[in-house]
């Protein structure tokens, strides 16, 4: 209703440094031509490989059309 088609949000508090890293990876992938969902998944998998603790990378979800 507010004109937003997609939301990228966290389900719990995540450290700022890792959140910034996720966003940089996400937008880098997106601007290279990946879809929103592909760009997000690649960014999340990159963080998963780097940080074994899932509380750092698994708390983000991308929802929308």
C-alpha atoms as a PDB file:
ATOM      1  CA  UNK A   1       0.000   0.000   0.000  1.00  0.00           C
ATOM      2  CA  UNK A   2       2.950   2.320   0.519  1.00  0.00           C
ATOM      3  CA  UNK A   3       4.422   1.552  -2.890  1.00  0.00           C
ATOM      4  CA  UNK A   4       7.047  -0.927  -1.746  1.00  0.00           C
ATOM      5  CA  UNK A   5       7.373  -4.109  -3.814  1.00  0.00           C
ATOM      6  CA  UNK A   6      10.106  -5.787  -1.795  1.00  0.00           C
ATOM      7  CA  UNK A   7      11.501  -5.569   1.725  1.00  0.00           C
ATOM      8  CA  UNK A   8      14.855  -6.819   2.968  1.00  0.00           C
ATOM      9  CA  UNK A   9      14.649  -7.081   6.720  1.00  0.00           C
ATOM     10  CA  UNK A  10      16.206  -8.805   9.680  1.00  0.00           C
ATOM     11  CA  UNK A  11      14.410 -11.132  12.038  1.00  0.00           C
ATOM     12  CA  UNK A  12      16.742 -10.332  14.926  1.00  0.00           C
ATOM     13  CA  UNK A  13      19.508  -7.909  15.812  1.00  0.00           C
ATOM     14  CA  UNK A  14      22.575  -8.452  13.626  1.00  0.00           C
ATOM     15  CA  UNK A  15      25.951  -6.720  14.075  1.00  0.00           C
ATOM     16  CA  UNK A  16      26.343  -3.558  11.994  1.00  0.00           C
ATOM     17  CA  UNK A  17      29.597  -4.620  10.331  1.00  0.00           C
ATOM     18  CA  UNK A  18      28.164  -7.866   8.973  1.00  0.00           C
ATOM     19  CA  UNK A  19      24.925  -6.150   7.959  1.00  0.00           C
ATOM     20  CA  UNK A  20      26.893  -3.582   5.963  1.00  0.00           C
ATOM     21  CA  UNK A  21      28.851  -6.399   4.350  1.00  0.00           C
ATOM     22  CA  UNK A  22      25.628  -8.179   3.358  1.00  0.00           C
ATOM     23  CA  UNK A  23      24.196  -4.994   1.851  1.00  0.00           C
ATOM     24  CA  UNK A  24      27.365  -4.282  -0.129  1.00  0.00           C
ATOM     25  CA  UNK A  25      27.370  -7.816  -1.528  1.00  0.00           C
ATOM     26  CA  UNK A  26      23.642  -7.696  -2.247  1.00  0.00           C
ATOM     27  CA  UNK A  27      23.755  -4.428  -4.182  1.00  0.00           C
ATOM     28  CA  UNK A  28      26.953  -5.415  -5.978  1.00  0.00           C
ATOM     29  CA  UNK A  29      25.281  -8.609  -7.211  1.00  0.00           C
ATOM     30  CA  UNK A  30      22.095  -6.774  -8.127  1.00  0.00           C
ATOM     31  CA  UNK A  31      23.905  -4.086 -10.138  1.00  0.00           C
ATOM     32  CA  UNK A  32      25.781  -6.834 -12.007  1.00  0.00           C
ATOM     33  CA  UNK A  33      22.422  -8.013 -13.328  1.00  0.00           C
ATOM     34  CA  UNK A  34      21.173 -10.594 -10.830  1.00  0.00           C
ATOM     35  CA  UNK A  35      17.537 -10.536  -9.786  1.00  0.00           C
ATOM     36  CA  UNK A  36      16.809  -9.262  -6.289  1.00  0.00           C
ATOM     37  CA  UNK A  37      16.376 -12.797  -5.010  1.00  0.00           C
ATOM     38  CA  UNK A  38      19.476 -14.177  -6.716  1.00  0.00           C
ATOM     39  CA  UNK A  39      21.573 -11.230  -5.539  1.00  0.00           C
ATOM     40  CA  UNK A  40      20.339 -11.719  -1.977  1.00  0.00           C
ATOM     41  CA  UNK A  41      20.935 -15.466  -2.011  1.00  0.00           C
ATOM     42  CA  UNK A  42      24.489 -15.060  -3.341  1.00  0.00           C
ATOM     43  CA  UNK A  43      25.238 -12.443  -0.692  1.00  0.00           C
ATOM     44  CA  UNK A  44      23.838 -14.650   2.038  1.00  0.00           C
ATOM     45  CA  UNK A  45      25.835 -17.677   0.851  1.00  0.00           C
ATOM     46  CA  UNK A  46      29.006 -15.592   0.801  1.00  0.00           C
ATOM     47  CA  UNK A  47      28.442 -14.579   4.412  1.00  0.00           C
ATOM     48  CA  UNK A  48      27.553 -18.156   5.343  1.00  0.00           C
ATOM     49  CA  UNK A  49      30.921 -19.339   4.014  1.00  0.00           C
ATOM     50  CA  UNK A  50      32.752 -16.587   5.888  1.00  0.00           C
ATOM     51  CA  UNK A  51      30.858 -16.697   9.202  1.00  0.00           C
ATOM     52  CA  UNK A  52      29.851 -20.118  10.493  1.00  0.00           C
ATOM     53  CA  UNK A  53      27.571 -18.596  13.152  1.00  0.00           C
ATOM     54  CA  UNK A  54      24.089 -18.483  11.563  1.00  0.00           C
ATOM     55  CA  UNK A  55      22.976 -15.634  13.811  1.00  0.00           C
ATOM     56  CA  UNK A  56      25.178 -13.394  11.637  1.00  0.00           C
ATOM     57  CA  UNK A  57      23.842 -14.332   8.196  1.00  0.00           C
ATOM     58  CA  UNK A  58      20.554 -16.244   8.597  1.00  0.00           C
ATOM     59  CA  UNK A  59      18.475 -13.487  10.167  1.00  0.00           C
ATOM     60  CA  UNK A  60      17.728 -11.690   6.903  1.00  0.00           C
ATOM     61  CA  UNK A  61      14.727 -12.272   4.653  1.00  0.00           C
ATOM     62  CA  UNK A  62      13.679 -10.738   1.344  1.00  0.00           C
ATOM     63  CA  UNK A  63       9.921 -10.613   0.883  1.00  0.00           C
ATOM     64  CA  UNK A  64       7.718  -9.227  -1.836  1.00  0.00           C
ATOM     65  CA  UNK A  65       6.629  -9.651  -5.420  1.00  0.00           C
END
